[in-house]
Amino acid sequence: MRSINKITQSVKNRGIKGTLERVLIGKRREEFDTLYYLLNQITDITTIPHVKNEALRIMQLCDTELLHIFDKLCMKYNLRYWLDSGTLLGAIRHRGFIPWDDDLDVMMPRKDYDKVIPLMKEEMEQYGIVVRWGGYFDNMGYMARLAFAYKTVETGVWMDIFPADCCNSAVPAAEIEPVIQKKISKFQKYYFSHEKKCSVRQLTEKKMEIFDDIPKGKYKIWYGCPEFAYDGHIVIDDNILFPLQKADFEKYSLNVPADPDCYLSKMYGNNYMEYPRSGLLHHTDPDGGLAQDRAKKHNVDMNKVLEHLASVYSAI
């Protein structure tokens, strides 16, 4: 009788759907939360070893060599970049790849980003490295992201390059962020519906029109590429980003924001140094396979890929 009364009261309070969710999911959620709590209380995520999966690990090492090449090219052409998203998180939390991650992300100021294809494309093509806009499995436009990759369909070796825009503001990022996020959303809607109809110049002019009414002042505000469909676009003050500093990533020292803690907290929340609740496996092929399994599928020796990419670094 007591159980029936509890269910009846729950239906009154939560409705039938809410009650079913509580009965069917609530216990599992409690078990998951307990496991998550124990992981973070008794182990240190910064000390966990590299992934045991050999296919994923060799792909990570090849990705690292690709990133090393990009870093050298940016120094050669005086271009600014910094590790972004999971790659930055890996550098700060693991001094390299997040053990389960399978690609690379960097970000560049828009004016540096616009120079990547003109400066790097022809030079890299002689080594089999592709520099192009968009992805292999989507048609994301030039303004949204660039690809820096080596035979990725066969190897999975891939890096995304995203542009960052900036504006001047009368107030710091914390105060203007809601306004900028709304403007990003407004421009995104326009961009996604006009990207194939308008030139880059026309799209850029529309973006400037949308952002132009921000009250101008002494603060320089950076925000992540509004042309790409992130779940949330980072909005930060210039001093959080510049001057860029170095951090270890695998065996190399690479560019990261001036204040990576603030940057990562904005991106992932203050608990970014803890075990994540989701997002472990994320890059799959149209057939459902993982990027790390492409080499086996195409009979590619990834150790030879690793040697080739190291030789490219020496040659440029």
C-alpha atoms as a PDB file:
ATOM      1  CA  MET A   1       0.000   0.000   0.000  1.00  0.00           C
ATOM      2  CA  ARG A   2       2.848   2.388   0.879  1.00  0.00           C
ATOM      3  CA  SER A   3       4.502   1.733  -2.515  1.00  0.00           C
ATOM      4  CA  ILE A   4       1.234   2.401  -4.347  1.00  0.00           C
ATOM      5  CA  ASN A   5       0.768   5.640  -2.440  1.00  0.00           C
ATOM      6  CA  LYS A   6       4.322   6.720  -3.278  1.00  0.00           C
ATOM      7  CA  ILE A   7       3.781   6.000  -6.977  1.00  0.00           C
ATOM      8  CA  THR A   8       0.438   7.837  -6.928  1.00  0.00           C
ATOM      9  CA  GLN A   9       2.040  10.860  -5.289  1.00  0.00           C
ATOM     10  CA  SER A  10       4.928  10.731  -7.767  1.00  0.00           C
ATOM     11  CA  VAL A  11       2.502  10.730 -10.705  1.00  0.00           C
ATOM     12  CA  LYS A  12       0.762  13.770  -9.222  1.00  0.00           C
ATOM     13  CA  ASN A  13       4.074  15.585  -8.744  1.00  0.00           C
ATOM     14  CA  ARG A  14       5.978  14.502 -11.865  1.00  0.00           C
ATOM     15  CA  GLY A  15       3.386  13.116 -14.264  1.00  0.00           C
ATOM     16  CA  ILE A  16       3.482   9.634 -15.760  1.00  0.00           C
ATOM     17  CA  LYS A  17       6.559  10.353 -17.909  1.00  0.00           C
ATOM     18  CA  GLY A  18       8.516  11.835 -15.002  1.00  0.00           C
ATOM     19  CA  THR A  19       7.592   8.921 -12.751  1.00  0.00           C
ATOM     20  CA  LEU A  20       8.667   6.342 -15.339  1.00  0.00           C
ATOM     21  CA  GLU A  21      11.973   8.155 -15.818  1.00  0.00           C
ATOM     22  CA  ARG A  22      12.547   8.188 -12.066  1.00  0.00           C
ATOM     23  CA  VAL A  23      11.730   4.489 -11.689  1.00  0.00           C
ATOM     24  CA  LEU A  24      13.556   3.245 -14.792  1.00  0.00           C
ATOM     25  CA  ILE A  25      16.478   5.676 -15.021  1.00  0.00           C
ATOM     26  CA  GLY A  26      16.900   7.073 -11.522  1.00  0.00           C
ATOM     27  CA  LYS A  27      18.600   3.991 -10.088  1.00  0.00           C
ATOM     28  CA  ARG A  28      21.008   3.712 -13.014  1.00  0.00           C
ATOM     29  CA  ARG A  29      21.839   7.409 -12.745  1.00  0.00           C
ATOM     30  CA  GLU A  30      22.542   6.993  -9.037  1.00  0.00           C
ATOM     31  CA  GLU A  31      24.857   4.054  -9.787  1.00  0.00           C
ATOM     32  CA  PHE A  32      26.649   6.035 -12.488  1.00  0.00           C
ATOM     33  CA  ASP A  33      27.047   9.077 -10.225  1.00  0.00           C
ATOM     34  CA  THR A  34      28.512   6.824  -7.525  1.00  0.00           C
ATOM     35  CA  LEU A  35      31.054   5.361  -9.946  1.00  0.00           C
ATOM     36  CA  TYR A  36      31.954   8.831 -11.250  1.00  0.00           C
ATOM     37  CA  TYR A  37      32.405  10.085  -7.663  1.00  0.00           C
ATOM     38  CA  LEU A  38      34.632   7.149  -6.719  1.00  0.00           C
ATOM     39  CA  LEU A  39      36.804   7.556  -9.830  1.00  0.00           C
ATOM     40  CA  ASN A  40      37.513  11.176  -8.999  1.00  0.00           C
ATOM     41  CA  GLN A  41      38.032  10.512  -5.291  1.00  0.00           C
ATOM     42  CA  ILE A  42      40.422   7.577  -5.463  1.00  0.00           C
ATOM     43  CA  THR A  43      42.315   8.083  -8.752  1.00  0.00           C
ATOM     44  CA  ASP A  44      44.106  11.015 -10.382  1.00  0.00           C
ATOM     45  CA  ILE A  45      43.186  11.418 -14.047  1.00  0.00           C
ATOM     46  CA  THR A  46      46.468  13.214 -14.740  1.00  0.00           C
ATOM     47  CA  THR A  47      48.433  10.042 -13.940  1.00  0.00           C
ATOM     48  CA  ILE A  48      46.577   7.517 -16.084  1.00  0.00           C
ATOM     49  CA  PRO A  49      48.758   5.921 -18.788  1.00  0.00           C
ATOM     50  CA  HIS A  50      48.472   6.120 -22.552  1.00  0.00           C
ATOM     51  CA  VAL A  51      45.681   4.142 -24.161  1.00  0.00           C
ATOM     52  CA  LYS A  52      46.347   0.383 -24.490  1.00  0.00           C
ATOM     53  CA  ASN A  53      44.714   0.212 -27.921  1.00  0.00           C
ATOM     54  CA  GLU A  54      47.711   0.066 -30.267  1.00  0.00           C
ATOM     55  CA  ALA A  55      45.768   1.262 -33.314  1.00  0.00           C
ATOM     56  CA  LEU A  56      44.579   4.378 -31.512  1.00  0.00           C
ATOM     57  CA  ARG A  57      47.975   5.085 -29.951  1.00  0.00           C
ATOM     58  CA  ILE A  58      49.935   4.916 -33.209  1.00  0.00           C
ATOM     59  CA  MET A  59      47.339   7.184 -34.821  1.00  0.00           C
ATOM     60  CA  GLN A  60      47.817   9.660 -31.946  1.00  0.00           C
ATOM     61  CA  LEU A  61      51.584   9.609 -32.474  1.00  0.00           C
ATOM     62  CA  CYS A  62      51.143  10.247 -36.208  1.00  0.00           C
ATOM     63  CA  ASP A  63      48.760  13.104 -35.376  1.00  0.00           C
ATOM     64  CA  THR A  64      51.430  14.520 -33.067  1.00  0.00           C
ATOM     65  CA  GLU A  65      53.990  14.544 -35.881  1.00  0.00           C
ATOM     66  CA  LEU A  66      51.434  16.279 -38.121  1.00  0.00           C
ATOM     67  CA  LEU A  67      50.928  18.933 -35.429  1.00  0.00           C
ATOM     68  CA  HIS A  68      54.700  19.326 -35.110  1.00  0.00           C
ATOM     69  CA  ILE A  69      54.882  20.025 -38.860  1.00  0.00           C
ATOM     70  CA  PHE A  70      52.116  22.621 -38.568  1.00  0.00           C
ATOM     71  CA  ASP A  71      53.887  24.284 -35.650  1.00  0.00           C
ATOM     72  CA  LYS A  72      57.091  24.579 -37.706  1.00  0.00           C
ATOM     73  CA  LEU A  73      55.202  26.046 -40.661  1.00  0.00           C
ATOM     74  CA  CYS A  74      53.526  28.620 -38.413  1.00  0.00           C
ATOM     75  CA  MET A  75      56.926  29.699 -37.090  1.00  0.00           C
ATOM     76  CA  LYS A  76      58.264  29.824 -40.650  1.00  0.00           C
ATOM     77  CA  TYR A  77      55.429  32.070 -41.851  1.00  0.00           C
ATOM     78  CA  ASN A  78      54.986  34.011 -38.593  1.00  0.00           C
ATOM     79  CA  LEU A  79      51.430  32.778 -37.997  1.00  0.00           C
ATOM     80  CA  ARG A  80      49.778  32.531 -34.595  1.00  0.00           C
ATOM     81  CA  TYR A  81      47.914  29.421 -33.431  1.00  0.00           C
ATOM     82  CA  TRP A  82      47.078  27.729 -30.162  1.00  0.00           C
ATOM     83  CA  LEU A  83      45.947  24.283 -29.103  1.00  0.00           C
ATOM     84  CA  ASP A  84      42.193  24.245 -28.670  1.00  0.00           C
ATOM     85  CA  SER A  85      39.369  22.086 -27.298  1.00  0.00           C
ATOM     86  CA  GLY A  86      40.369  18.501 -26.418  1.00  0.00           C
ATOM     87  CA  THR A  87      43.918  19.026 -27.680  1.00  0.00           C
ATOM     88  CA  LEU A  88      44.434  21.882 -25.210  1.00  0.00           C
ATOM     89  CA  LEU A  89      42.759  19.856 -22.484  1.00  0.00           C
ATOM     90  CA  GLY A  90      45.127  16.981 -23.261  1.00  0.00           C
ATOM     91  CA  ALA A  91      48.164  19.254 -23.073  1.00  0.00           C
ATOM     92  CA  ILE A  92      47.197  20.667 -19.666  1.00  0.00           C
ATOM     93  CA  ARG A  93      45.717  17.540 -18.098  1.00  0.00           C
ATOM     94  CA  HIS A  94      47.830  14.769 -19.692  1.00  0.00           C
ATOM     95  CA  ARG A  95      50.841  16.569 -21.223  1.00  0.00           C
ATOM     96  CA  GLY A  96      49.744  15.011 -24.503  1.00  0.00           C
ATOM     97  CA  PHE A  97      46.743  13.294 -25.980  1.00  0.00           C
ATOM     98  CA  ILE A  98      43.705  12.612 -23.852  1.00  0.00           C
ATOM     99  CA  PRO A  99      44.075   8.798 -23.779  1.00  0.00           C
ATOM    100  CA  TRP A 100      40.830   8.197 -25.666  1.00  0.00           C
ATOM    101  CA  ASP A 101      41.015  11.161 -28.094  1.00  0.00           C
ATOM    102  CA  ASP A 102      41.485  10.576 -31.824  1.00  0.00           C
ATOM    103  CA  ASP A 103      42.152  13.902 -33.547  1.00  0.00           C
ATOM    104  CA  LEU A 104      43.632  17.380 -33.154  1.00  0.00           C
ATOM    105  CA  ASP A 105      42.132  20.861 -32.842  1.00  0.00           C
ATOM    106  CA  VAL A 106      43.911  24.192 -33.129  1.00  0.00           C
ATOM    107  CA  MET A 107      42.610  27.731 -33.425  1.00  0.00           C
ATOM    108  CA  MET A 108      44.049  30.800 -35.149  1.00  0.00           C
ATOM    109  CA  PRO A 109      43.157  34.476 -35.379  1.00  0.00           C
ATOM    110  CA  ARG A 110      41.101  34.940 -38.546  1.00  0.00           C
ATOM    111  CA  LYS A 111      43.784  36.928 -40.387  1.00  0.00           C
ATOM    112  CA  ASP A 112      46.333  34.148 -39.751  1.00  0.00           C
ATOM    113  CA  TYR A 113      43.796  31.446 -40.631  1.00  0.00           C
ATOM    114  CA  ASP A 114      43.159  33.132 -43.993  1.00  0.00           C
ATOM    115  CA  LYS A 115      46.850  32.708 -44.886  1.00  0.00           C
ATOM    116  CA  VAL A 116      47.055  28.952 -44.262  1.00  0.00           C
ATOM    117  CA  ILE A 117      45.933  27.700 -47.680  1.00  0.00           C
ATOM    118  CA  PRO A 118      47.875  30.292 -49.737  1.00  0.00           C
ATOM    119  CA  LEU A 119      51.088  29.666 -47.764  1.00  0.00           C
ATOM    120  CA  MET A 120      50.927  25.955 -46.965  1.00  0.00           C
ATOM    121  CA  LYS A 121      48.823  24.120 -49.535  1.00  0.00           C
ATOM    122  CA  GLU A 122      51.304  23.798 -52.409  1.00  0.00           C
ATOM    123  CA  GLU A 123      54.262  23.167 -50.134  1.00  0.00           C
ATOM    124  CA  MET A 124      52.512  20.382 -48.238  1.00  0.00           C
ATOM    125  CA  GLU A 125      50.976  18.651 -51.254  1.00  0.00           C
ATOM    126  CA  GLN A 126      54.409  17.435 -52.389  1.00  0.00           C
ATOM    127  CA  TYR A 127      54.556  15.404 -49.176  1.00  0.00           C
ATOM    128  CA  GLY A 128      51.015  14.056 -49.455  1.00  0.00           C
ATOM    129  CA  ILE A 129      49.631  16.371 -46.765  1.00  0.00           C
ATOM    130  CA  VAL A 130      46.265  17.857 -47.641  1.00  0.00           C
ATOM    131  CA  VAL A 131      45.431  21.464 -46.744  1.00  0.00           C
ATOM    132  CA  ARG A 132      41.834  22.232 -47.606  1.00  0.00           C
ATOM    133  CA  TRP A 133      38.583  23.568 -46.225  1.00  0.00           C
ATOM    134  CA  GLY A 134      35.833  21.425 -44.745  1.00  0.00           C
ATOM    135  CA  GLY A 135      35.944  17.766 -43.832  1.00  0.00           C
ATOM    136  CA  TYR A 136      35.956  14.515 -45.748  1.00  0.00           C
ATOM    137  CA  PHE A 137      32.485  13.571 -44.539  1.00  0.00           C
ATOM    138  CA  ASP A 138      30.824  17.002 -44.550  1.00  0.00           C
ATOM    139  CA  ASN A 139      30.703  20.076 -46.767  1.00  0.00           C
ATOM    140  CA  MET A 140      31.435  22.663 -44.091  1.00  0.00           C
ATOM    141  CA  GLY A 141      32.541  25.851 -45.870  1.00  0.00           C
ATOM    142  CA  TYR A 142      35.907  27.595 -45.985  1.00  0.00           C
ATOM    143  CA  MET A 143      34.998  30.140 -43.300  1.00  0.00           C
ATOM    144  CA  ALA A 144      34.169  27.422 -40.745  1.00  0.00           C
ATOM    145  CA  ARG A 145      37.292  25.282 -40.621  1.00  0.00           C
ATOM    146  CA  LEU A 146      40.327  24.024 -42.500  1.00  0.00           C
ATOM    147  CA  ALA A 147      41.732  20.505 -42.647  1.00  0.00           C
ATOM    148  CA  PHE A 148      45.411  19.650 -42.281  1.00  0.00           C
ATOM    149  CA  ALA A 149      45.623  15.910 -42.893  1.00  0.00           C
ATOM    150  CA  TYR A 150      47.641  12.995 -44.215  1.00  0.00           C
ATOM    151  CA  LYS A 151      45.696  10.366 -46.196  1.00  0.00           C
ATOM    152  CA  THR A 152      43.037  10.508 -43.532  1.00  0.00           C
ATOM    153  CA  VAL A 153      40.599   8.160 -45.284  1.00  0.00           C
ATOM    154  CA  GLU A 154      43.255   5.438 -45.010  1.00  0.00           C
ATOM    155  CA  THR A 155      44.979   6.523 -41.787  1.00  0.00           C
ATOM    156  CA  GLY A 156      42.636   8.683 -39.687  1.00  0.00           C
ATOM    157  CA  VAL A 157      45.448  11.256 -39.319  1.00  0.00           C
ATOM    158  CA  TRP A 158      43.699  14.628 -39.157  1.00  0.00           C
ATOM    159  CA  MET A 159      43.796  18.107 -37.646  1.00  0.00           C
ATOM    160  CA  ASP A 160      41.026  20.717 -37.612  1.00  0.00           C
ATOM    161  CA  ILE A 161      41.998  24.389 -37.822  1.00  0.00           C
ATOM    162  CA  PHE A 162      39.367  26.840 -36.602  1.00  0.00           C
ATOM    163  CA  PRO A 163      39.364  30.644 -36.906  1.00  0.00           C
ATOM    164  CA  ALA A 164      38.796  33.021 -33.998  1.00  0.00           C
ATOM    165  CA  ASP A 165      37.290  36.478 -34.507  1.00  0.00           C
ATOM    166  CA  CYS A 166      37.638  39.547 -32.323  1.00  0.00           C
ATOM    167  CA  CYS A 167      35.906  42.824 -31.636  1.00  0.00           C
ATOM    168  CA  ASN A 168      36.479  45.918 -29.502  1.00  0.00           C
ATOM    169  CA  SER A 169      34.139  46.464 -26.583  1.00  0.00           C
ATOM    170  CA  ALA A 170      33.457  49.088 -23.952  1.00  0.00           C
ATOM    171  CA  VAL A 171      33.130  46.328 -21.326  1.00  0.00           C
ATOM    172  CA  PRO A 172      35.045  43.081 -20.636  1.00  0.00           C
ATOM    173  CA  ALA A 173      34.043  39.674 -21.970  1.00  0.00           C
ATOM    174  CA  ALA A 174      32.069  38.618 -18.900  1.00  0.00           C
ATOM    175  CA  GLU A 175      29.659  41.529 -19.394  1.00  0.00           C
ATOM    176  CA  ILE A 176      29.339  41.431 -23.188  1.00  0.00           C
ATOM    177  CA  GLU A 177      29.275  37.632 -23.634  1.00  0.00           C
ATOM    178  CA  PRO A 178      25.438  37.239 -23.689  1.00  0.00           C
ATOM    179  CA  VAL A 179      25.254  39.877 -26.429  1.00  0.00           C
ATOM    180  CA  ILE A 180      28.015  38.237 -28.463  1.00  0.00           C
ATOM    181  CA  GLN A 181      26.450  34.785 -28.109  1.00  0.00           C
ATOM    182  CA  LYS A 182      23.168  36.136 -29.477  1.00  0.00           C
ATOM    183  CA  LYS A 183      24.986  37.728 -32.386  1.00  0.00           C
ATOM    184  CA  ILE A 184      26.830  34.481 -33.086  1.00  0.00           C
ATOM    185  CA  SER A 185      23.498  32.673 -33.161  1.00  0.00           C
ATOM    186  CA  LYS A 186      22.013  35.297 -35.484  1.00  0.00           C
ATOM    187  CA  PHE A 187      24.933  35.142 -37.900  1.00  0.00           C
ATOM    188  CA  GLN A 188      24.982  31.338 -37.801  1.00  0.00           C
ATOM    189  CA  LYS A 189      21.409  31.177 -39.049  1.00  0.00           C
ATOM    190  CA  TYR A 190      22.287  33.539 -41.881  1.00  0.00           C
ATOM    191  CA  TYR A 191      25.514  31.716 -42.692  1.00  0.00           C
ATOM    192  CA  PHE A 192      23.994  28.229 -42.842  1.00  0.00           C
ATOM    193  CA  SER A 193      21.222  29.415 -45.170  1.00  0.00           C
ATOM    194  CA  HIS A 194      23.459  31.583 -47.430  1.00  0.00           C
ATOM    195  CA  GLU A 195      26.861  29.870 -47.397  1.00  0.00           C
ATOM    196  CA  LYS A 196      26.368  28.324 -50.839  1.00  0.00           C
ATOM    197  CA  LYS A 197      24.702  31.430 -52.293  1.00  0.00           C
ATOM    198  CA  CYS A 198      27.114  34.184 -51.222  1.00  0.00           C
ATOM    199  CA  SER A 199      30.809  34.909 -51.590  1.00  0.00           C
ATOM    200  CA  VAL A 200      33.156  34.917 -48.595  1.00  0.00           C
ATOM    201  CA  ARG A 201      33.294  38.693 -48.907  1.00  0.00           C
ATOM    202  CA  GLN A 202      29.512  39.017 -48.748  1.00  0.00           C
ATOM    203  CA  LEU A 203      29.296  36.694 -45.756  1.00  0.00           C
ATOM    204  CA  THR A 204      32.066  38.602 -43.981  1.00  0.00           C
ATOM    205  CA  GLU A 205      30.297  41.912 -44.610  1.00  0.00           C
ATOM    206  CA  LYS A 206      27.096  40.474 -43.154  1.00  0.00           C
ATOM    207  CA  LYS A 207      28.971  39.327 -40.055  1.00  0.00           C
ATOM    208  CA  MET A 208      30.539  42.764 -39.627  1.00  0.00           C
ATOM    209  CA  GLU A 209      27.093  44.329 -39.962  1.00  0.00           C
ATOM    210  CA  ILE A 210      25.689  42.100 -37.208  1.00  0.00           C
ATOM    211  CA  PHE A 211      28.599  42.740 -34.824  1.00  0.00           C
ATOM    212  CA  ASP A 212      29.143  46.408 -35.675  1.00  0.00           C
ATOM    213  CA  ASP A 213      26.757  47.863 -33.076  1.00  0.00           C
ATOM    214  CA  ILE A 214      28.722  46.556 -30.077  1.00  0.00           C
ATOM    215  CA  PRO A 215      29.720  49.658 -28.057  1.00  0.00           C
ATOM    216  CA  LYS A 216      33.406  50.248 -28.786  1.00  0.00           C
ATOM    217  CA  GLY A 217      36.019  50.638 -26.073  1.00  0.00           C
ATOM    218  CA  LYS A 218      39.385  49.516 -24.737  1.00  0.00           C
ATOM    219  CA  TYR A 219      38.598  45.800 -24.384  1.00  0.00           C
ATOM    220  CA  LYS A 220      39.549  43.355 -27.127  1.00  0.00           C
ATOM    221  CA  ILE A 221      37.226  40.348 -27.063  1.00  0.00           C
ATOM    222  CA  TRP A 222      37.853  37.051 -28.864  1.00  0.00           C
ATOM    223  CA  TYR A 223      35.149  34.592 -29.776  1.00  0.00           C
ATOM    224  CA  GLY A 224      35.291  31.160 -31.399  1.00  0.00           C
ATOM    225  CA  CYS A 225      34.376  30.759 -35.056  1.00  0.00           C
ATOM    226  CA  PRO A 226      30.641  31.540 -35.445  1.00  0.00           C
ATOM    227  CA  GLU A 227      30.515  29.658 -38.763  1.00  0.00           C
ATOM    228  CA  PHE A 228      31.022  26.307 -37.048  1.00  0.00           C
ATOM    229  CA  ALA A 229      28.198  24.619 -35.157  1.00  0.00           C
ATOM    230  CA  TYR A 230      29.775  24.285 -31.715  1.00  0.00           C
ATOM    231  CA  ASP A 231      27.592  23.542 -28.715  1.00  0.00           C
ATOM    232  CA  GLY A 232      28.983  26.748 -27.193  1.00  0.00           C
ATOM    233  CA  HIS A 233      31.352  29.397 -28.540  1.00  0.00           C
ATOM    234  CA  ILE A 234      34.053  30.606 -26.191  1.00  0.00           C
ATOM    235  CA  VAL A 235      34.102  34.375 -25.523  1.00  0.00           C
ATOM    236  CA  ILE A 236      37.216  35.658 -23.736  1.00  0.00           C
ATOM    237  CA  ASP A 237      39.270  38.749 -23.034  1.00  0.00           C
ATOM    238  CA  ASP A 238      42.489  39.282 -24.986  1.00  0.00           C
ATOM    239  CA  ASN A 239      44.677  38.796 -21.899  1.00  0.00           C
ATOM    240  CA  ILE A 240      43.321  35.267 -21.413  1.00  0.00           C
ATOM    241  CA  LEU A 241      44.638  34.378 -24.850  1.00  0.00           C
ATOM    242  CA  PHE A 242      47.737  36.519 -25.418  1.00  0.00           C
ATOM    243  CA  PRO A 243      50.649  36.436 -25.140  1.00  0.00           C
ATOM    244  CA  LEU A 244      50.680  32.776 -26.111  1.00  0.00           C
ATOM    245  CA  GLN A 245      52.837  30.495 -23.996  1.00  0.00           C
ATOM    246  CA  LYS A 246      54.244  26.987 -24.415  1.00  0.00           C
ATOM    247  CA  ALA A 247      53.049  23.706 -22.940  1.00  0.00           C
ATOM    248  CA  ASP A 248      54.174  20.117 -23.402  1.00  0.00           C
ATOM    249  CA  PHE A 249      52.179  17.959 -25.789  1.00  0.00           C
ATOM    250  CA  GLU A 250      53.618  14.464 -26.057  1.00  0.00           C
ATOM    251  CA  LYS A 251      57.325  15.157 -26.719  1.00  0.00           C
ATOM    252  CA  TYR A 252      56.942  18.673 -28.142  1.00  0.00           C
ATOM    253  CA  SER A 253      56.443  22.171 -26.735  1.00  0.00           C
ATOM    254  CA  LEU A 254      53.514  23.880 -28.452  1.00  0.00           C
ATOM    255  CA  ASN A 255      51.396  27.045 -28.241  1.00  0.00           C
ATOM    256  CA  VAL A 256      48.611  27.400 -25.680  1.00  0.00           C
ATOM    257  CA  PRO A 257      46.654  30.420 -24.375  1.00  0.00           C
ATOM    258  CA  ALA A 258      48.209  32.738 -21.800  1.00  0.00           C
ATOM    259  CA  ASP A 259      45.722  31.506 -19.184  1.00  0.00           C
ATOM    260  CA  PRO A 260      44.794  27.930 -20.123  1.00  0.00           C
ATOM    261  CA  ASP A 261      42.964  27.368 -16.831  1.00  0.00           C
ATOM    262  CA  CYS A 262      40.515  30.187 -17.530  1.00  0.00           C
ATOM    263  CA  TYR A 263      40.196  29.116 -21.170  1.00  0.00           C
ATOM    264  CA  LEU A 264      39.429  25.491 -20.303  1.00  0.00           C
ATOM    265  CA  SER A 265      37.090  26.463 -17.471  1.00  0.00           C
ATOM    266  CA  LYS A 266      35.097  28.562 -19.918  1.00  0.00           C
ATOM    267  CA  MET A 267      35.012  25.680 -22.378  1.00  0.00           C
ATOM    268  CA  TYR A 268      34.451  22.661 -20.107  1.00  0.00           C
ATOM    269  CA  GLY A 269      33.575  23.988 -16.665  1.00  0.00           C
ATOM    270  CA  ASN A 270      35.656  24.184 -13.514  1.00  0.00           C
ATOM    271  CA  ASN A 271      35.843  20.385 -13.196  1.00  0.00           C
ATOM    272  CA  TYR A 272      37.794  19.868 -16.428  1.00  0.00           C
ATOM    273  CA  MET A 273      40.574  18.142 -14.444  1.00  0.00           C
ATOM    274  CA  GLU A 274      38.168  15.350 -13.422  1.00  0.00           C
ATOM    275  CA  TYR A 275      37.015  12.246 -15.284  1.00  0.00           C
ATOM    276  CA  PRO A 276      34.407  13.128 -17.916  1.00  0.00           C
ATOM    277  CA  ARG A 277      30.858  11.830 -17.847  1.00  0.00           C
ATOM    278  CA  SER A 278      30.535  11.516 -21.628  1.00  0.00           C
ATOM    279  CA  GLY A 279      32.193  12.167 -24.972  1.00  0.00           C
ATOM    280  CA  LEU A 280      34.779   9.373 -24.959  1.00  0.00           C
ATOM    281  CA  LEU A 281      34.233   8.021 -28.478  1.00  0.00           C
ATOM    282  CA  HIS A 282      33.314  10.649 -31.009  1.00  0.00           C
ATOM    283  CA  HIS A 283      34.716  10.245 -34.521  1.00  0.00           C
ATOM    284  CA  THR A 284      33.001   7.570 -36.569  1.00  0.00           C
ATOM    285  CA  ASP A 285      32.870   6.885 -40.290  1.00  0.00           C
ATOM    286  CA  PRO A 286      29.624   6.766 -42.280  1.00  0.00           C
ATOM    287  CA  ASP A 287      29.653   2.956 -41.884  1.00  0.00           C
ATOM    288  CA  GLY A 288      29.931   3.288 -38.090  1.00  0.00           C
ATOM    289  CA  GLY A 289      33.607   2.319 -37.867  1.00  0.00           C
ATOM    290  CA  LEU A 290      36.113   4.272 -35.783  1.00  0.00           C
ATOM    291  CA  ALA A 291      38.823   6.461 -37.326  1.00  0.00           C
ATOM    292  CA  GLN A 292      41.477   4.454 -35.493  1.00  0.00           C
ATOM    293  CA  ASP A 293      40.517   1.327 -37.473  1.00  0.00           C
ATOM    294  CA  ARG A 294      40.986   2.815 -40.943  1.00  0.00           C
ATOM    295  CA  ALA A 295      44.632   1.755 -41.261  1.00  0.00           C
ATOM    296  CA  LYS A 296      43.824  -1.907 -40.684  1.00  0.00           C
ATOM    297  CA  LYS A 297      40.888  -1.686 -43.059  1.00  0.00           C
ATOM    298  CA  HIS A 298      43.125  -0.222 -45.804  1.00  0.00           C
ATOM    299  CA  ASN A 299      46.212  -2.319 -44.980  1.00  0.00           C
ATOM    300  CA  VAL A 300      48.343   0.723 -44.050  1.00  0.00           C
ATOM    301  CA  ASP A 301      51.486   0.394 -41.928  1.00  0.00           C
ATOM    302  CA  MET A 302      51.157   3.294 -39.490  1.00  0.00           C
ATOM    303  CA  ASN A 303      54.784   3.000 -38.387  1.00  0.00           C
ATOM    304  CA  LYS A 304      55.794   3.947 -41.925  1.00  0.00           C
ATOM    305  CA  VAL A 305      53.347   6.855 -41.786  1.00  0.00           C
ATOM    306  CA  LEU A 306      55.005   7.983 -38.555  1.00  0.00           C
ATOM    307  CA  GLU A 307      58.447   7.811 -40.197  1.00  0.00           C
ATOM    308  CA  HIS A 308      57.226   9.723 -43.244  1.00  0.00           C
ATOM    309  CA  LEU A 309      55.750  12.557 -41.196  1.00  0.00           C
ATOM    310  CA  ALA A 310      58.941  12.854 -39.134  1.00  0.00           C
ATOM    311  CA  SER A 311      60.906  13.111 -42.392  1.00  0.00           C
ATOM    312  CA  VAL A 312      58.579  15.859 -43.642  1.00  0.00           C
ATOM    313  CA  TYR A 313      59.330  17.895 -40.531  1.00  0.00           C
ATOM    314  CA  SER A 314      63.048  17.600 -41.218  1.00  0.00           C
ATOM    315  CA  ALA A 315      62.587  18.577 -44.871  1.00  0.00           C
ATOM    316  CA  ILE A 316      60.594  21.789 -44.450  1.00  0.00           C
END
